[in-house]
PDB file of all heavy atoms in Angstrom:
ATOM      1  N   GLN A   1     -15.512  -4.049  -3.567  1.00  0.00           N
ATOM      2  CA  GLN A   1     -16.208  -3.268  -2.552  1.00  0.00           C
ATOM      3  C   GLN A   1     -16.288  -4.107  -1.289  1.00  0.00           C
ATOM      4  O   GLN A   1     -16.825  -5.215  -1.315  1.00  0.00           O
ATOM      5  CB  GLN A   1     -17.608  -2.903  -3.027  1.00  0.00           C
ATOM      6  CG  GLN A   1     -18.431  -2.130  -2.009  1.00  0.00           C
ATOM      7  CD  GLN A   1     -17.878  -0.759  -1.726  1.00  0.00           C
ATOM      8  OE1 GLN A   1     -17.509  -0.032  -2.641  1.00  0.00           O
ATOM      9  NE2 GLN A   1     -17.825  -0.375  -0.443  1.00  0.00           N
ATOM     10  N   MET A   2     -15.753  -3.579  -0.205  1.00  0.00           N
ATOM     11  CA  MET A   2     -15.685  -4.322   1.044  1.00  0.00           C
ATOM     12  C   MET A   2     -16.488  -3.569   2.101  1.00  0.00           C
ATOM     13  O   MET A   2     -16.153  -2.441   2.462  1.00  0.00           O
ATOM     14  CB  MET A   2     -14.227  -4.470   1.488  1.00  0.00           C
ATOM     15  CG  MET A   2     -13.333  -5.095   0.441  1.00  0.00           C
ATOM     16  SD  MET A   2     -11.668  -5.425   1.026  1.00  0.00           S
ATOM     17  CE  MET A   2     -11.087  -3.764   1.295  1.00  0.00           C
ATOM     18  N   ASN A   3     -17.543  -4.198   2.562  1.00  0.00           N
ATOM     19  CA  ASN A   3     -18.401  -3.630   3.597  1.00  0.00           C
ATOM     20  C   ASN A   3     -18.334  -4.499   4.848  1.00  0.00           C
ATOM     21  O   ASN A   3     -17.938  -5.662   4.778  1.00  0.00           O
ATOM     22  CB  ASN A   3     -19.842  -3.534   3.107  1.00  0.00           C
ATOM     23  CG  ASN A   3     -19.996  -2.656   1.895  1.00  0.00           C
ATOM     24  OD1 ASN A   3     -19.266  -1.673   1.716  1.00  0.00           O
ATOM     25  ND2 ASN A   3     -20.943  -2.991   1.038  1.00  0.00           N
ATOM     26  N   GLY A   4     -18.744  -3.941   5.962  1.00  0.00           N
ATOM     27  CA  GLY A   4     -18.749  -4.712   7.196  1.00  0.00           C
ATOM     28  C   GLY A   4     -17.395  -5.295   7.539  1.00  0.00           C
ATOM     29  O   GLY A   4     -17.291  -6.445   7.962  1.00  0.00           O
ATOM     30  N   LEU A   5     -16.358  -4.489   7.373  1.00  0.00           N
ATOM     31  CA  LEU A   5     -15.003  -5.006   7.554  1.00  0.00           C
ATOM     32  C   LEU A   5     -14.752  -5.431   8.993  1.00  0.00           C
ATOM     33  O   LEU A   5     -15.254  -4.810   9.944  1.00  0.00           O
ATOM     34  CB  LEU A   5     -13.989  -3.960   7.110  1.00  0.00           C
ATOM     35  CG  LEU A   5     -13.819  -3.864   5.588  1.00  0.00           C
ATOM     36  CD1 LEU A   5     -13.190  -2.548   5.186  1.00  0.00           C
ATOM     37  CD2 LEU A   5     -13.011  -5.036   5.075  1.00  0.00           C
ATOM     38  N   LYS A   6     -13.977  -6.484   9.123  1.00  0.00           N
ATOM     39  CA  LYS A   6     -13.623  -7.066  10.413  1.00  0.00           C
ATOM     40  C   LYS A   6     -12.112  -7.041  10.586  1.00  0.00           C
ATOM     41  O   LYS A   6     -11.377  -7.043   9.589  1.00  0.00           O
ATOM     42  CB  LYS A   6     -14.114  -8.512  10.476  1.00  0.00           C
ATOM     43  CG  LYS A   6     -15.597  -8.694  10.211  1.00  0.00           C
ATOM     44  CD  LYS A   6     -15.955 -10.172  10.179  1.00  0.00           C
ATOM     45  CE  LYS A   6     -17.439 -10.383   9.903  1.00  0.00           C
ATOM     46  NZ  LYS A   6     -17.789 -11.825   9.860  1.00  0.00           N
ATOM     47  N   PRO A   7     -11.631  -7.086  11.817  1.00  0.00           N
ATOM     48  CA  PRO A   7     -10.170  -7.122  12.016  1.00  0.00           C
ATOM     49  C   PRO A   7      -9.504  -8.268  11.263  1.00  0.00           C
ATOM     50  O   PRO A   7      -8.356  -8.111  10.790  1.00  0.00           O
ATOM     51  CB  PRO A   7     -10.049  -7.286  13.532  1.00  0.00           C
ATOM     52  CG  PRO A   7     -11.260  -6.620  14.074  1.00  0.00           C
ATOM     53  CD  PRO A   7     -12.352  -6.937  13.092  1.00  0.00           C
ATOM     54  N   GLU A   8     -10.195  -9.379  11.123  1.00  0.00           N
ATOM     55  CA  GLU A   8      -9.601 -10.521  10.416  1.00  0.00           C
ATOM     56  C   GLU A   8      -9.516 -10.307   8.912  1.00  0.00           C
ATOM     57  O   GLU A   8      -8.943 -11.141   8.201  1.00  0.00           O
ATOM     58  CB  GLU A   8     -10.367 -11.813  10.725  1.00  0.00           C
ATOM     59  CG  GLU A   8     -11.866 -11.719  10.519  1.00  0.00           C
ATOM     60  CD  GLU A   8     -12.621 -11.436  11.814  1.00  0.00           C
ATOM     61  OE1 GLU A   8     -12.155 -10.578  12.611  1.00  0.00           O
ATOM     62  OE2 GLU A   8     -13.679 -12.067  12.023  1.00  0.00           O
ATOM     63  N   ASP A   9     -10.055  -9.218   8.409  1.00  0.00           N
ATOM     64  CA  ASP A   9      -9.885  -8.871   6.995  1.00  0.00           C
ATOM     65  C   ASP A   9      -8.570  -8.142   6.747  1.00  0.00           C
ATOM     66  O   ASP A   9      -8.210  -7.869   5.592  1.00  0.00           O
ATOM     67  CB  ASP A   9     -11.035  -7.984   6.517  1.00  0.00           C
ATOM     68  CG  ASP A   9     -12.372  -8.699   6.527  1.00  0.00           C
ATOM     69  OD1 ASP A   9     -12.417  -9.878   6.130  1.00  0.00           O
ATOM     70  OD2 ASP A   9     -13.375  -8.070   6.938  1.00  0.00           O
ATOM     71  N   THR A  10      -7.860  -7.815   7.813  1.00  0.00           N
ATOM     72  CA  THR A  10      -6.576  -7.134   7.672  1.00  0.00           C
ATOM     73  C   THR A  10      -5.600  -7.990   6.888  1.00  0.00           C
ATOM     74  O   THR A  10      -5.363  -9.153   7.230  1.00  0.00           O
ATOM     75  CB  THR A  10      -5.990  -6.811   9.055  1.00  0.00           C
ATOM     76  OG1 THR A  10      -6.840  -5.870   9.720  1.00  0.00           O
ATOM     77  CG2 THR A  10      -4.589  -6.223   8.940  1.00  0.00           C
ATOM     78  N   ALA A  11      -5.066  -7.423   5.806  1.00  0.00           N
ATOM     79  CA  ALA A  11      -4.178  -8.173   4.911  1.00  0.00           C
ATOM     80  C   ALA A  11      -3.691  -7.237   3.807  1.00  0.00           C
ATOM     81  O   ALA A  11      -4.206  -6.121   3.651  1.00  0.00           O
ATOM     82  CB  ALA A  11      -4.910  -9.357   4.301  1.00  0.00           C
ATOM     83  N   VAL A  12      -2.740  -7.733   3.056  1.00  0.00           N
ATOM     84  CA  VAL A  12      -2.394  -7.103   1.786  1.00  0.00           C
ATOM     85  C   VAL A  12      -3.271  -7.753   0.721  1.00  0.00           C
ATOM     86  O   VAL A  12      -3.327  -8.985   0.623  1.00  0.00           O
ATOM     87  CB  VAL A  12      -0.914  -7.267   1.450  1.00  0.00           C
ATOM     88  CG1 VAL A  12      -0.606  -6.621   0.103  1.00  0.00           C
ATOM     89  CG2 VAL A  12      -0.048  -6.649   2.542  1.00  0.00           C
ATOM     90  N   TYR A  13      -3.948  -6.934  -0.050  1.00  0.00           N
ATOM     91  CA  TYR A  13      -4.860  -7.406  -1.092  1.00  0.00           C
ATOM     92  C   TYR A  13      -4.199  -7.255  -2.453  1.00  0.00           C
ATOM     93  O   TYR A  13      -3.650  -6.193  -2.779  1.00  0.00           O
ATOM     94  CB  TYR A  13      -6.165  -6.624  -1.035  1.00  0.00           C
ATOM     95  CG  TYR A  13      -7.046  -7.054   0.117  1.00  0.00           C
ATOM     96  CD1 TYR A  13      -6.715  -6.738   1.425  1.00  0.00           C
ATOM     97  CD2 TYR A  13      -8.202  -7.807  -0.100  1.00  0.00           C
ATOM     98  CE1 TYR A  13      -7.507  -7.149   2.488  1.00  0.00           C
ATOM     99  CE2 TYR A  13      -8.995  -8.217   0.951  1.00  0.00           C
ATOM    100  CZ  TYR A  13      -8.639  -7.890   2.246  1.00  0.00           C
ATOM    101  OH  TYR A  13      -9.426  -8.308   3.299  1.00  0.00           O
ATOM    102  N   TYR A  14      -4.281  -8.339  -3.246  1.00  0.00           N
ATOM    103  CA  TYR A  14      -3.627  -8.395  -4.544  1.00  0.00           C
ATOM    104  C   TYR A  14      -4.650  -8.655  -5.646  1.00  0.00           C
ATOM    105  O   TYR A  14      -5.536  -9.502  -5.514  1.00  0.00           O
ATOM    106  CB  TYR A  14      -2.608  -9.527  -4.581  1.00  0.00           C
ATOM    107  CG  TYR A  14      -1.465  -9.382  -3.609  1.00  0.00           C
ATOM    108  CD1 TYR A  14      -1.547  -9.941  -2.336  1.00  0.00           C
ATOM    109  CD2 TYR A  14      -0.303  -8.715  -3.962  1.00  0.00           C
ATOM    110  CE1 TYR A  14      -0.503  -9.830  -1.430  1.00  0.00           C
ATOM    111  CE2 TYR A  14       0.750  -8.594  -3.065  1.00  0.00           C
ATOM    112  CZ  TYR A  14       0.641  -9.150  -1.810  1.00  0.00           C
ATOM    113  OH  TYR A  14       1.679  -9.042  -0.930  1.00  0.00           O
ATOM    114  N   CYS A  15      -4.441  -7.993  -6.744  1.00  0.00           N
ATOM    115  CA  CYS A  15      -5.180  -8.241  -7.964  1.00  0.00           C
ATOM    116  C   CYS A  15      -4.402  -9.278  -8.782  1.00  0.00           C
ATOM    117  O   CYS A  15      -3.158  -9.249  -8.803  1.00  0.00           O
ATOM    118  CB  CYS A  15      -5.288  -6.919  -8.720  1.00  0.00           C
ATOM    119  SG  CYS A  15      -6.184  -6.962 -10.254  1.00  0.00           S
ATOM    120  N   ASN A  16      -5.110 -10.176  -9.448  1.00  0.00           N
ATOM    121  CA  ASN A  16      -4.445 -11.254 -10.179  1.00  0.00           C
ATOM    122  C   ASN A  16      -5.223 -11.620 -11.428  1.00  0.00           C
ATOM    123  O   ASN A  16      -6.457 -11.572 -11.455  1.00  0.00           O
ATOM    124  CB  ASN A  16      -4.330 -12.485  -9.285  1.00  0.00           C
ATOM    125  CG  ASN A  16      -3.909 -13.735 -10.028  1.00  0.00           C
ATOM    126  OD1 ASN A  16      -4.756 -14.545 -10.411  1.00  0.00           O
ATOM    127  ND2 ASN A  16      -2.618 -13.900 -10.246  1.00  0.00           N
ATOM    128  N   THR A  17      -4.482 -11.999 -12.464  1.00  0.00           N
ATOM    129  CA  THR A  17      -5.096 -12.615 -13.625  1.00  0.00           C
ATOM    130  C   THR A  17      -4.143 -13.644 -14.214  1.00  0.00           C
ATOM    131  O   THR A  17      -2.923 -13.508 -14.121  1.00  0.00           O
ATOM    132  CB  THR A  17      -5.498 -11.566 -14.682  1.00  0.00           C
ATOM    133  OG1 THR A  17      -6.309 -12.193 -15.670  1.00  0.00           O
ATOM    134  CG2 THR A  17      -4.279 -10.941 -15.351  1.00  0.00           C
ATOM    135  N   LYS A  18      -4.737 -14.681 -14.774  1.00  0.00           N
ATOM    136  CA  LYS A  18      -3.969 -15.719 -15.476  1.00  0.00           C
ATOM    137  C   LYS A  18      -4.294 -15.544 -16.954  1.00  0.00           C
ATOM    138  O   LYS A  18      -5.412 -15.808 -17.389  1.00  0.00           O
ATOM    139  CB  LYS A  18      -4.346 -17.096 -14.934  1.00  0.00           C
ATOM    140  CG  LYS A  18      -3.965 -17.231 -13.464  1.00  0.00           C
ATOM    141  CD  LYS A  18      -4.769 -18.279 -12.745  1.00  0.00           C
ATOM    142  CE  LYS A  18      -4.412 -18.357 -11.271  1.00  0.00           C
ATOM    143  NZ  LYS A  18      -4.692 -17.122 -10.515  1.00  0.00           N
ATOM    144  N   TYR A  19      -3.304 -15.110 -17.705  1.00  0.00           N
ATOM    145  CA  TYR A  19      -3.556 -14.605 -19.056  1.00  0.00           C
ATOM    146  C   TYR A  19      -2.539 -15.198 -20.008  1.00  0.00           C
ATOM    147  O   TYR A  19      -1.331 -15.010 -19.854  1.00  0.00           O
ATOM    148  CB  TYR A  19      -3.442 -13.079 -19.035  1.00  0.00           C
ATOM    149  CG  TYR A  19      -3.664 -12.391 -20.355  1.00  0.00           C
ATOM    150  CD1 TYR A  19      -4.934 -12.250 -20.886  1.00  0.00           C
ATOM    151  CD2 TYR A  19      -2.593 -11.860 -21.081  1.00  0.00           C
ATOM    152  CE1 TYR A  19      -5.153 -11.603 -22.087  1.00  0.00           C
ATOM    153  CE2 TYR A  19      -2.800 -11.213 -22.283  1.00  0.00           C
ATOM    154  CZ  TYR A  19      -4.080 -11.086 -22.779  1.00  0.00           C
ATOM    155  OH  TYR A  19      -4.289 -10.437 -23.975  1.00  0.00           O
ATOM    156  N   ILE A  20      -3.044 -15.957 -20.981  1.00  0.00           N
ATOM    157  CA  ILE A  20      -2.218 -16.565 -22.031  1.00  0.00           C
ATOM    158  C   ILE A  20      -0.978 -17.212 -21.423  1.00  0.00           C
ATOM    159  O   ILE A  20       0.166 -16.907 -21.779  1.00  0.00           O
ATOM    160  CB  ILE A  20      -1.832 -15.534 -23.108  1.00  0.00           C
ATOM    161  CG1 ILE A  20      -3.095 -14.779 -23.590  1.00  0.00           C
ATOM    162  CG2 ILE A  20      -1.180 -16.209 -24.288  1.00  0.00           C
ATOM    163  CD1 ILE A  20      -2.824 -13.768 -24.682  1.00  0.00           C
ATOM    164  N   GLY A  21      -1.214 -18.106 -20.483  1.00  0.00           N
ATOM    165  CA  GLY A  21      -0.135 -18.876 -19.894  1.00  0.00           C
ATOM    166  C   GLY A  21       0.654 -18.180 -18.815  1.00  0.00           C
ATOM    167  O   GLY A  21       1.542 -18.787 -18.202  1.00  0.00           O
ATOM    168  N   GLY A  22       0.383 -16.925 -18.590  1.00  0.00           N
ATOM    169  CA  GLY A  22       1.094 -16.203 -17.546  1.00  0.00           C
ATOM    170  C   GLY A  22       0.239 -15.996 -16.315  1.00  0.00           C
ATOM    171  O   GLY A  22      -0.978 -16.040 -16.383  1.00  0.00           O
ATOM    172  N   ASP A  23       0.881 -15.763 -15.181  1.00  0.00           N
ATOM    173  CA  ASP A  23       0.203 -15.541 -13.907  1.00  0.00           C
ATOM    174  C   ASP A  23       0.688 -14.194 -13.384  1.00  0.00           C
ATOM    175  O   ASP A  23       1.845 -14.072 -12.986  1.00  0.00           O
ATOM    176  CB  ASP A  23       0.544 -16.667 -12.932  1.00  0.00           C
ATOM    177  CG  ASP A  23      -0.340 -16.660 -11.703  1.00  0.00           C
ATOM    178  OD1 ASP A  23      -1.316 -15.885 -11.672  1.00  0.00           O
ATOM    179  OD2 ASP A  23      -0.050 -17.430 -10.761  1.00  0.00           O
ATOM    180  N   TYR A  24      -0.185 -13.206 -13.416  1.00  0.00           N
ATOM    181  CA  TYR A  24       0.232 -11.831 -13.170  1.00  0.00           C
ATOM    182  C   TYR A  24      -0.373 -11.280 -11.883  1.00  0.00           C
ATOM    183  O   TYR A  24      -1.556 -11.512 -11.598  1.00  0.00           O
ATOM    184  CB  TYR A  24      -0.161 -10.938 -14.354  1.00  0.00           C
ATOM    185  CG  TYR A  24       0.482 -11.393 -15.644  1.00  0.00           C
ATOM    186  CD1 TYR A  24      -0.215 -12.177 -16.552  1.00  0.00           C
ATOM    187  CD2 TYR A  24       1.802 -11.042 -15.936  1.00  0.00           C
ATOM    188  CE1 TYR A  24       0.382 -12.607 -17.713  1.00  0.00           C
ATOM    189  CE2 TYR A  24       2.403 -11.469 -17.108  1.00  0.00           C
ATOM    190  CZ  TYR A  24       1.687 -12.256 -17.990  1.00  0.00           C
ATOM    191  OH  TYR A  24       2.284 -12.686 -19.153  1.00  0.00           O
ATOM    192  N   TRP A  25       0.467 -10.534 -11.143  1.00  0.00           N
ATOM    193  CA  TRP A  25       0.074  -9.995  -9.848  1.00  0.00           C
ATOM    194  C   TRP A  25       0.383  -8.499  -9.788  1.00  0.00           C
ATOM    195  O   TRP A  25       1.377  -8.044 -10.355  1.00  0.00           O
ATOM    196  CB  TRP A  25       0.836 -10.693  -8.726  1.00  0.00           C
ATOM    197  CG  TRP A  25       0.545 -12.160  -8.626  1.00  0.00           C
ATOM    198  CD1 TRP A  25       1.147 -13.168  -9.322  1.00  0.00           C
ATOM    199  CD2 TRP A  25      -0.444 -12.768  -7.797  1.00  0.00           C
ATOM    200  NE1 TRP A  25       0.596 -14.382  -8.973  1.00  0.00           N
ATOM    201  CE2 TRP A  25      -0.375 -14.166  -8.031  1.00  0.00           C
ATOM    202  CE3 TRP A  25      -1.360 -12.295  -6.870  1.00  0.00           C
ATOM    203  CZ2 TRP A  25      -1.210 -15.085  -7.369  1.00  0.00           C
ATOM    204  CZ3 TRP A  25      -2.172 -13.198  -6.209  1.00  0.00           C
ATOM    205  CH2 TRP A  25      -2.105 -14.568  -6.461  1.00  0.00           C
ATOM    206  N   GLY A  26      -0.440  -7.788  -9.051  1.00  0.00           N
ATOM    207  CA  GLY A  26      -0.112  -6.417  -8.728  1.00  0.00           C
ATOM    208  C   GLY A  26       0.823  -6.370  -7.529  1.00  0.00           C
ATOM    209  O   GLY A  26       1.212  -7.407  -6.971  1.00  0.00           O
ATOM    210  N   GLN A  27       1.153  -5.163  -7.109  1.00  0.00           N
ATOM    211  CA  GLN A  27       2.081  -4.991  -5.994  1.00  0.00           C
ATOM    212  C   GLN A  27       1.389  -5.112  -4.640  1.00  0.00           C
ATOM    213  O   GLN A  27       2.055  -5.255  -3.614  1.00  0.00           O
ATOM    214  CB  GLN A  27       2.774  -3.625  -6.101  1.00  0.00           C
ATOM    215  CG  GLN A  27       1.989  -2.442  -5.553  1.00  0.00           C
ATOM    216  CD  GLN A  27       0.798  -2.032  -6.422  1.00  0.00           C
ATOM    217  OE1 GLN A  27       0.613  -2.533  -7.538  1.00  0.00           O
ATOM    218  NE2 GLN A  27      -0.013  -1.116  -5.914  1.00  0.00           N
ATOM    219  N   GLY A  28       0.071  -5.065  -4.650  1.00  0.00           N
ATOM    220  CA  GLY A  28      -0.690  -5.205  -3.417  1.00  0.00           C
ATOM    221  C   GLY A  28      -1.030  -3.875  -2.778  1.00  0.00           C
ATOM    222  O   GLY A  28      -0.328  -2.870  -2.974  1.00  0.00           O
ATOM    223  N   THR A  29      -2.122  -3.870  -2.025  1.00  0.00           N
ATOM    224  CA  THR A  29      -2.525  -2.690  -1.266  1.00  0.00           C
ATOM    225  C   THR A  29      -2.922  -3.139   0.138  1.00  0.00           C
ATOM    226  O   THR A  29      -3.655  -4.114   0.297  1.00  0.00           O
ATOM    227  CB  THR A  29      -3.661  -1.927  -1.973  1.00  0.00           C
ATOM    228  OG1 THR A  29      -3.926  -0.702  -1.279  1.00  0.00           O
ATOM    229  CG2 THR A  29      -4.931  -2.733  -2.102  1.00  0.00           C
ATOM    230  N   GLN A  30      -2.427  -2.434   1.135  1.00  0.00           N
ATOM    231  CA  GLN A  30      -2.640  -2.830   2.523  1.00  0.00           C
ATOM    232  C   GLN A  30      -4.012  -2.381   3.005  1.00  0.00           C
ATOM    233  O   GLN A  30      -4.384  -1.206   2.855  1.00  0.00           O
ATOM    234  CB  GLN A  30      -1.561  -2.213   3.419  1.00  0.00           C
ATOM    235  CG  GLN A  30      -1.740  -2.482   4.900  1.00  0.00           C
ATOM    236  CD  GLN A  30      -1.482  -3.920   5.273  1.00  0.00           C
ATOM    237  OE1 GLN A  30      -0.484  -4.512   4.854  1.00  0.00           O
ATOM    238  NE2 GLN A  30      -2.384  -4.506   6.075  1.00  0.00           N
ATOM    239  N   VAL A  31      -4.734  -3.311   3.598  1.00  0.00           N
ATOM    240  CA  VAL A  31      -5.991  -3.007   4.270  1.00  0.00           C
ATOM    241  C   VAL A  31      -5.825  -3.364   5.741  1.00  0.00           C
ATOM    242  O   VAL A  31      -5.466  -4.496   6.076  1.00  0.00           O
ATOM    243  CB  VAL A  31      -7.165  -3.799   3.657  1.00  0.00           C
ATOM    244  CG1 VAL A  31      -8.429  -3.622   4.496  1.00  0.00           C
ATOM    245  CG2 VAL A  31      -7.405  -3.356   2.226  1.00  0.00           C
ATOM    246  N   THR A  32      -6.054  -2.396   6.605  1.00  0.00           N
ATOM    247  CA  THR A  32      -5.952  -2.611   8.038  1.00  0.00           C
ATOM    248  C   THR A  32      -7.273  -2.239   8.685  1.00  0.00           C
ATOM    249  O   THR A  32      -7.760  -1.111   8.514  1.00  0.00           O
ATOM    250  CB  THR A  32      -4.816  -1.782   8.646  1.00  0.00           C
ATOM    251  OG1 THR A  32      -3.584  -2.116   8.011  1.00  0.00           O
ATOM    252  CG2 THR A  32      -4.691  -2.052  10.143  1.00  0.00           C
ATOM    253  N   VAL A  33      -7.850  -3.192   9.405  1.00  0.00           N
ATOM    254  CA  VAL A  33      -9.127  -2.967  10.090  1.00  0.00           C
ATOM    255  C   VAL A  33      -8.848  -2.975  11.591  1.00  0.00           C
ATOM    256  O   VAL A  33      -8.522  -4.011  12.175  1.00  0.00           O
ATOM    257  CB  VAL A  33     -10.169  -4.029   9.714  1.00  0.00           C
ATOM    258  CG1 VAL A  33     -11.517  -3.683  10.355  1.00  0.00           C
ATOM    259  CG2 VAL A  33     -10.295  -4.141   8.211  1.00  0.00           C
TER     260      VAL A  33
END
C-alpha cells in the first residue's frame, strides 16, 4: 500500500522471494507519479 506518493517514487516495482536457494522475481509493474 503506497500513500503520499511522490514523483521520485516513479519506478518499476518488483515482487521478490528467495526460496530454497532460488531468487525469484516477478515481471514488474510500472508506477508513475
